[in-house]
Amino acid sequence: MAYWIHTAGNKSDLLWRFFMCDYLSDVKNLPTAAKEGLLQPSDNVSSSKCSPGSQCLCQEDWSVWLLGKDTDQWVRRKAASSSGTPGEGEENRIEPIPPSSIQDLFPA
């Protein structure tokens, strides 16, 4: 089990956190606005309470989690498609520019 803060705080909300975790099972150990999270070895910051809107990126499946304001629960917001096939996350896929289109930009 491991999670950590990648970036912490901003000018308008010092308790906003961006976590990264290894496994989906780690999300349940993250802090919320009402409770502290599981203390990590050599880290006394990542277990501290955080504000709604804080986010977590889970590296097991590259899903994005958001701490809800009304529920004070971590909610899965987006699951990434790692296969490259149509499905979840397809709307965010950027198509590469074909080499012929690039060559057309630079006539000989």
N, C-alpha and C. Protein backbone atom coordinates (compact mmCIF):
# COMPACT_ATOMS: atom_id res chain seq x y z
N MET A 1 0.84 -1.16 0.00
CA MET A 1 0.00 0.00 0.00
C MET A 1 0.88 1.23 0.00
N ALA A 2 0.62 2.12 -0.94
CA ALA A 2 1.38 3.35 -0.96
C ALA A 2 0.58 4.43 -1.66
N TYR A 3 0.64 5.63 -1.12
CA TYR A 3 0.12 6.80 -1.80
C TYR A 3 0.92 7.99 -1.34
N TRP A 4 0.89 9.04 -2.12
CA TRP A 4 1.67 10.20 -1.78
C TRP A 4 1.08 11.42 -2.44
N ILE A 5 1.47 12.58 -1.96
CA ILE A 5 1.02 13.85 -2.52
C ILE A 5 1.99 14.24 -3.62
N HIS A 6 1.45 14.51 -4.78
CA HIS A 6 2.27 14.99 -5.90
C HIS A 6 2.40 16.51 -5.84
N THR A 7 1.30 17.19 -5.62
CA THR A 7 1.26 18.63 -5.48
C THR A 7 0.30 18.94 -4.35
N ALA A 8 0.58 19.94 -3.56
CA ALA A 8 -0.31 20.25 -2.44
C ALA A 8 -0.60 21.73 -2.37
N GLY A 9 -1.87 22.03 -2.14
CA GLY A 9 -2.29 23.40 -1.89
C GLY A 9 -2.26 24.30 -3.11
N ASN A 10 -3.03 25.35 -3.03
CA ASN A 10 -2.99 26.42 -4.01
C ASN A 10 -3.40 27.70 -3.30
N LYS A 11 -3.45 28.81 -4.01
CA LYS A 11 -3.70 30.09 -3.35
C LYS A 11 -5.09 30.18 -2.73
N SER A 12 -6.09 29.52 -3.33
CA SER A 12 -7.44 29.65 -2.82
C SER A 12 -7.83 28.56 -1.83
N ASP A 13 -7.10 27.46 -1.80
CA ASP A 13 -7.45 26.37 -0.88
C ASP A 13 -6.19 25.61 -0.49
N LEU A 14 -5.68 25.90 0.68
CA LEU A 14 -4.43 25.28 1.13
C LEU A 14 -4.56 23.80 1.45
N LEU A 15 -5.79 23.29 1.62
CA LEU A 15 -5.98 21.87 1.92
C LEU A 15 -6.24 21.02 0.68
N TRP A 16 -6.25 21.63 -0.50
CA TRP A 16 -6.42 20.86 -1.73
C TRP A 16 -5.19 20.00 -1.94
N ARG A 17 -5.42 18.73 -2.31
CA ARG A 17 -4.30 17.80 -2.51
C ARG A 17 -4.47 17.04 -3.82
N PHE A 18 -3.35 16.67 -4.42
CA PHE A 18 -3.34 15.77 -5.56
C PHE A 18 -2.52 14.56 -5.14
N PHE A 19 -3.19 13.44 -4.97
CA PHE A 19 -2.53 12.21 -4.54
C PHE A 19 -2.26 11.32 -5.75
N MET A 20 -1.31 10.44 -5.58
CA MET A 20 -1.08 9.35 -6.52
C MET A 20 -1.00 8.09 -5.68
N CYS A 21 -1.67 7.03 -6.15
CA CYS A 21 -1.61 5.78 -5.39
C CYS A 21 -1.27 4.63 -6.34
N ASP A 22 -0.77 3.55 -5.76
CA ASP A 22 -0.36 2.39 -6.55
C ASP A 22 -1.55 1.52 -6.97
N TYR A 23 -2.46 1.27 -6.04
CA TYR A 23 -3.53 0.30 -6.26
C TYR A 23 -4.90 0.90 -5.94
N LEU A 24 -5.94 0.37 -6.57
CA LEU A 24 -7.30 0.81 -6.29
C LEU A 24 -7.65 0.65 -4.81
N SER A 25 -7.12 -0.37 -4.20
CA SER A 25 -7.39 -0.61 -2.78
C SER A 25 -6.81 0.50 -1.89
N ASP A 26 -5.87 1.28 -2.40
CA ASP A 26 -5.28 2.37 -1.63
C ASP A 26 -6.23 3.55 -1.47
N VAL A 27 -7.18 3.70 -2.39
CA VAL A 27 -8.07 4.87 -2.37
C VAL A 27 -8.83 4.95 -1.05
N LYS A 28 -9.24 3.81 -0.52
CA LYS A 28 -10.00 3.81 0.73
C LYS A 28 -9.17 4.30 1.92
N ASN A 29 -7.85 4.33 1.79
CA ASN A 29 -6.97 4.78 2.87
C ASN A 29 -6.61 6.26 2.79
N LEU A 30 -7.11 6.95 1.75
CA LEU A 30 -6.83 8.37 1.60
C LEU A 30 -7.63 9.17 2.62
N PRO A 31 -7.10 10.34 3.00
CA PRO A 31 -7.86 11.19 3.91
C PRO A 31 -9.05 11.83 3.20
N THR A 32 -10.00 12.34 3.98
CA THR A 32 -11.11 13.11 3.44
C THR A 32 -11.17 14.42 4.23
N ALA A 33 -12.22 15.19 4.02
CA ALA A 33 -12.37 16.44 4.78
C ALA A 33 -12.71 16.15 6.23
N ALA A 34 -13.34 14.98 6.49
CA ALA A 34 -13.79 14.66 7.84
C ALA A 34 -12.86 13.71 8.60
N LYS A 35 -12.01 12.95 7.89
CA LYS A 35 -11.16 11.99 8.58
C LYS A 35 -9.75 11.99 8.01
N GLU A 36 -8.82 11.64 8.87
CA GLU A 36 -7.44 11.52 8.42
C GLU A 36 -7.25 10.18 7.72
N GLY A 37 -6.28 10.13 6.84
CA GLY A 37 -5.97 8.89 6.13
C GLY A 37 -4.98 8.04 6.88
N LEU A 38 -4.64 6.92 6.28
CA LEU A 38 -3.68 6.00 6.88
C LEU A 38 -2.29 6.62 6.80
N LEU A 39 -1.61 6.71 7.93
CA LEU A 39 -0.29 7.30 8.00
C LEU A 39 0.71 6.43 7.25
N GLN A 40 1.51 7.05 6.41
CA GLN A 40 2.54 6.36 5.63
C GLN A 40 3.88 6.44 6.37
N PRO A 41 4.74 5.45 6.18
CA PRO A 41 6.07 5.52 6.80
C PRO A 41 6.84 6.74 6.30
N SER A 42 7.47 7.45 7.19
CA SER A 42 8.30 8.61 6.88
C SER A 42 7.51 9.74 6.21
N ASP A 43 6.21 9.82 6.45
CA ASP A 43 5.40 10.85 5.82
C ASP A 43 4.27 11.24 6.78
N ASN A 44 4.30 12.45 7.27
CA ASN A 44 3.25 12.89 8.18
C ASN A 44 2.31 13.90 7.54
N VAL A 45 2.39 14.06 6.21
CA VAL A 45 1.56 15.03 5.51
C VAL A 45 0.42 14.37 4.75
N SER A 46 0.68 13.25 4.08
CA SER A 46 -0.33 12.66 3.20
C SER A 46 -1.53 12.10 3.95
N SER A 47 -1.43 11.90 5.24
CA SER A 47 -2.58 11.40 6.01
C SER A 47 -3.47 12.53 6.52
N SER A 48 -3.02 13.77 6.40
CA SER A 48 -3.79 14.92 6.92
C SER A 48 -5.06 15.13 6.11
N LYS A 49 -6.08 15.64 6.78
CA LYS A 49 -7.36 15.92 6.11
C LYS A 49 -7.14 16.83 4.91
N CYS A 50 -8.01 16.68 3.91
CA CYS A 50 -7.90 17.48 2.70
C CYS A 50 -9.28 18.00 2.31
N SER A 51 -9.31 18.95 1.41
CA SER A 51 -10.57 19.58 1.06
C SER A 51 -11.28 18.85 -0.08
N PRO A 52 -12.60 19.04 -0.17
CA PRO A 52 -13.34 18.51 -1.31
C PRO A 52 -12.75 19.06 -2.61
N GLY A 53 -12.79 18.25 -3.64
CA GLY A 53 -12.17 18.63 -4.91
C GLY A 53 -10.77 18.11 -5.05
N SER A 54 -10.18 17.61 -3.95
CA SER A 54 -8.86 16.99 -4.04
C SER A 54 -8.96 15.79 -4.98
N GLN A 55 -7.85 15.44 -5.60
CA GLN A 55 -7.87 14.40 -6.62
C GLN A 55 -6.82 13.33 -6.33
N CYS A 56 -7.05 12.17 -6.91
CA CYS A 56 -6.10 11.06 -6.81
C CYS A 56 -6.02 10.36 -8.15
N LEU A 57 -4.80 10.08 -8.59
CA LEU A 57 -4.56 9.30 -9.79
C LEU A 57 -4.09 7.92 -9.35
N CYS A 58 -4.83 6.88 -9.73
CA CYS A 58 -4.46 5.52 -9.36
C CYS A 58 -3.67 4.89 -10.50
N GLN A 59 -2.46 4.46 -10.22
CA GLN A 59 -1.58 3.93 -11.26
C GLN A 59 -1.92 2.50 -11.67
N GLU A 60 -2.75 1.82 -10.90
CA GLU A 60 -3.12 0.45 -11.28
C GLU A 60 -3.90 0.44 -12.59
N ASP A 61 -4.86 1.38 -12.73
CA ASP A 61 -5.66 1.43 -13.95
C ASP A 61 -5.75 2.84 -14.52
N TRP A 62 -4.96 3.77 -14.00
CA TRP A 62 -4.90 5.17 -14.42
C TRP A 62 -6.25 5.86 -14.28
N SER A 63 -7.04 5.45 -13.30
CA SER A 63 -8.31 6.12 -13.05
C SER A 63 -8.08 7.37 -12.20
N VAL A 64 -8.99 8.33 -12.35
CA VAL A 64 -8.93 9.58 -11.61
C VAL A 64 -10.07 9.60 -10.60
N TRP A 65 -9.76 9.94 -9.36
CA TRP A 65 -10.73 9.97 -8.27
C TRP A 65 -10.83 11.39 -7.74
N LEU A 66 -12.03 11.79 -7.33
CA LEU A 66 -12.29 13.13 -6.83
C LEU A 66 -13.00 13.03 -5.49
N LEU A 67 -12.56 13.84 -4.52
CA LEU A 67 -13.21 13.85 -3.22
C LEU A 67 -14.46 14.73 -3.30
N GLY A 68 -15.64 14.11 -3.12
CA GLY A 68 -16.91 14.81 -3.25
C GLY A 68 -17.18 15.76 -2.10
N LYS A 69 -17.80 16.88 -2.41
CA LYS A 69 -18.12 17.89 -1.39
C LYS A 69 -19.28 17.43 -0.51
N ASP A 70 -20.36 16.95 -1.12
CA ASP A 70 -21.54 16.56 -0.35
C ASP A 70 -21.38 15.22 0.36
N THR A 71 -20.64 14.31 -0.24
CA THR A 71 -20.54 12.95 0.30
C THR A 71 -19.31 12.72 1.16
N ASP A 72 -18.27 13.55 0.99
CA ASP A 72 -16.98 13.35 1.66
C ASP A 72 -16.45 11.94 1.38
N GLN A 73 -16.66 11.49 0.15
CA GLN A 73 -16.19 10.17 -0.30
C GLN A 73 -15.40 10.34 -1.58
N TRP A 74 -14.45 9.45 -1.79
CA TRP A 74 -13.68 9.43 -3.04
C TRP A 74 -14.53 8.77 -4.12
N VAL A 75 -14.74 9.49 -5.23
CA VAL A 75 -15.59 9.03 -6.32
C VAL A 75 -14.75 8.91 -7.58
N ARG A 76 -14.91 7.78 -8.26
CA ARG A 76 -14.18 7.56 -9.51
C ARG A 76 -14.77 8.47 -10.59
N ARG A 77 -13.93 9.32 -11.16
CA ARG A 77 -14.39 10.26 -12.17
C ARG A 77 -14.09 9.81 -13.58
N LYS A 78 -13.01 9.08 -13.77
CA LYS A 78 -12.61 8.72 -15.12
C LYS A 78 -11.74 7.48 -15.06
N ALA A 79 -12.03 6.56 -15.96
CA ALA A 79 -11.18 5.38 -16.11
C ALA A 79 -10.52 5.47 -17.47
N ALA A 80 -9.24 5.30 -17.51
CA ALA A 80 -8.51 5.40 -18.77
C ALA A 80 -8.52 4.06 -19.48
N SER A 81 -8.53 4.12 -20.79
CA SER A 81 -8.43 2.92 -21.60
C SER A 81 -6.96 2.68 -21.91
N SER A 82 -6.43 1.57 -21.46
CA SER A 82 -5.02 1.29 -21.68
C SER A 82 -4.79 0.43 -22.92
N SER A 83 -5.87 -0.09 -23.50
CA SER A 83 -5.72 -1.00 -24.63
C SER A 83 -5.61 -0.29 -25.97
N GLY A 84 -6.03 0.98 -26.02
CA GLY A 84 -6.00 1.70 -27.28
C GLY A 84 -7.20 1.37 -28.16
N THR A 85 -8.10 0.55 -27.66
CA THR A 85 -9.29 0.20 -28.41
C THR A 85 -10.44 1.11 -27.99
N PRO A 86 -11.47 1.24 -28.84
CA PRO A 86 -12.59 2.08 -28.45
C PRO A 86 -13.19 1.62 -27.14
N GLY A 87 -13.62 2.57 -26.34
CA GLY A 87 -14.20 2.26 -25.04
C GLY A 87 -14.04 3.44 -24.12
N GLU A 88 -13.88 3.16 -22.84
CA GLU A 88 -13.75 4.23 -21.88
C GLU A 88 -12.52 5.07 -22.20
N GLY A 89 -12.68 6.38 -22.09
CA GLY A 89 -11.57 7.28 -22.35
C GLY A 89 -11.38 7.61 -23.81
N GLU A 90 -12.19 7.03 -24.69
CA GLU A 90 -12.04 7.24 -26.13
C GLU A 90 -12.23 8.70 -26.51
N GLU A 91 -13.12 9.40 -25.79
CA GLU A 91 -13.40 10.79 -26.14
C GLU A 91 -12.19 11.69 -25.92
N ASN A 92 -11.22 11.27 -25.15
CA ASN A 92 -10.03 12.07 -24.88
C ASN A 92 -8.82 11.64 -25.71
N ARG A 93 -9.02 10.69 -26.58
CA ARG A 93 -7.90 10.18 -27.38
C ARG A 93 -7.55 11.17 -28.49
N ILE A 94 -6.30 11.45 -28.65
CA ILE A 94 -5.83 12.35 -29.69
C ILE A 94 -5.24 11.51 -30.82
N GLU A 95 -5.78 11.71 -32.01
CA GLU A 95 -5.29 10.97 -33.17
C GLU A 95 -3.98 11.57 -33.66
N PRO A 96 -3.00 10.73 -33.99
CA PRO A 96 -1.73 11.26 -34.50
C PRO A 96 -1.90 11.82 -35.91
N ILE A 97 -1.07 12.79 -36.25
CA ILE A 97 -1.09 13.37 -37.58
C ILE A 97 -0.31 12.43 -38.51
N PRO A 98 -0.91 12.04 -39.64
CA PRO A 98 -0.18 11.14 -40.55
C PRO A 98 1.04 11.83 -41.14
N PRO A 99 2.13 11.09 -41.37
CA PRO A 99 3.36 11.68 -41.92
C PRO A 99 3.13 12.44 -43.24
N SER A 100 2.22 11.93 -44.06
CA SER A 100 1.98 12.61 -45.35
C SER A 100 1.42 14.02 -45.13
N SER A 101 0.61 14.22 -44.11
CA SER A 101 0.08 15.54 -43.82
C SER A 101 1.18 16.47 -43.33
N ILE A 102 2.13 15.95 -42.59
CA ILE A 102 3.24 16.77 -42.13
C ILE A 102 4.12 17.17 -43.31
N GLN A 103 4.39 16.21 -44.20
CA GLN A 103 5.23 16.50 -45.38
C GLN A 103 4.57 17.52 -46.28
N ASP A 104 3.24 17.53 -46.37
CA ASP A 104 2.53 18.50 -47.19
C ASP A 104 2.72 19.94 -46.71
N LEU A 105 3.06 20.10 -45.44
CA LEU A 105 3.29 21.43 -44.88
C LEU A 105 4.60 22.06 -45.37
N PHE A 106 5.51 21.20 -45.81
CA PHE A 106 6.84 21.67 -46.23
C PHE A 106 7.11 21.25 -47.68
N PRO A 107 6.56 21.98 -48.65
CA PRO A 107 6.78 21.59 -50.05
C PRO A 107 8.27 21.70 -50.41
N ALA A 108 8.67 20.84 -51.31
CA ALA A 108 10.09 20.80 -51.70
C ALA A 108 10.48 21.96 -52.56
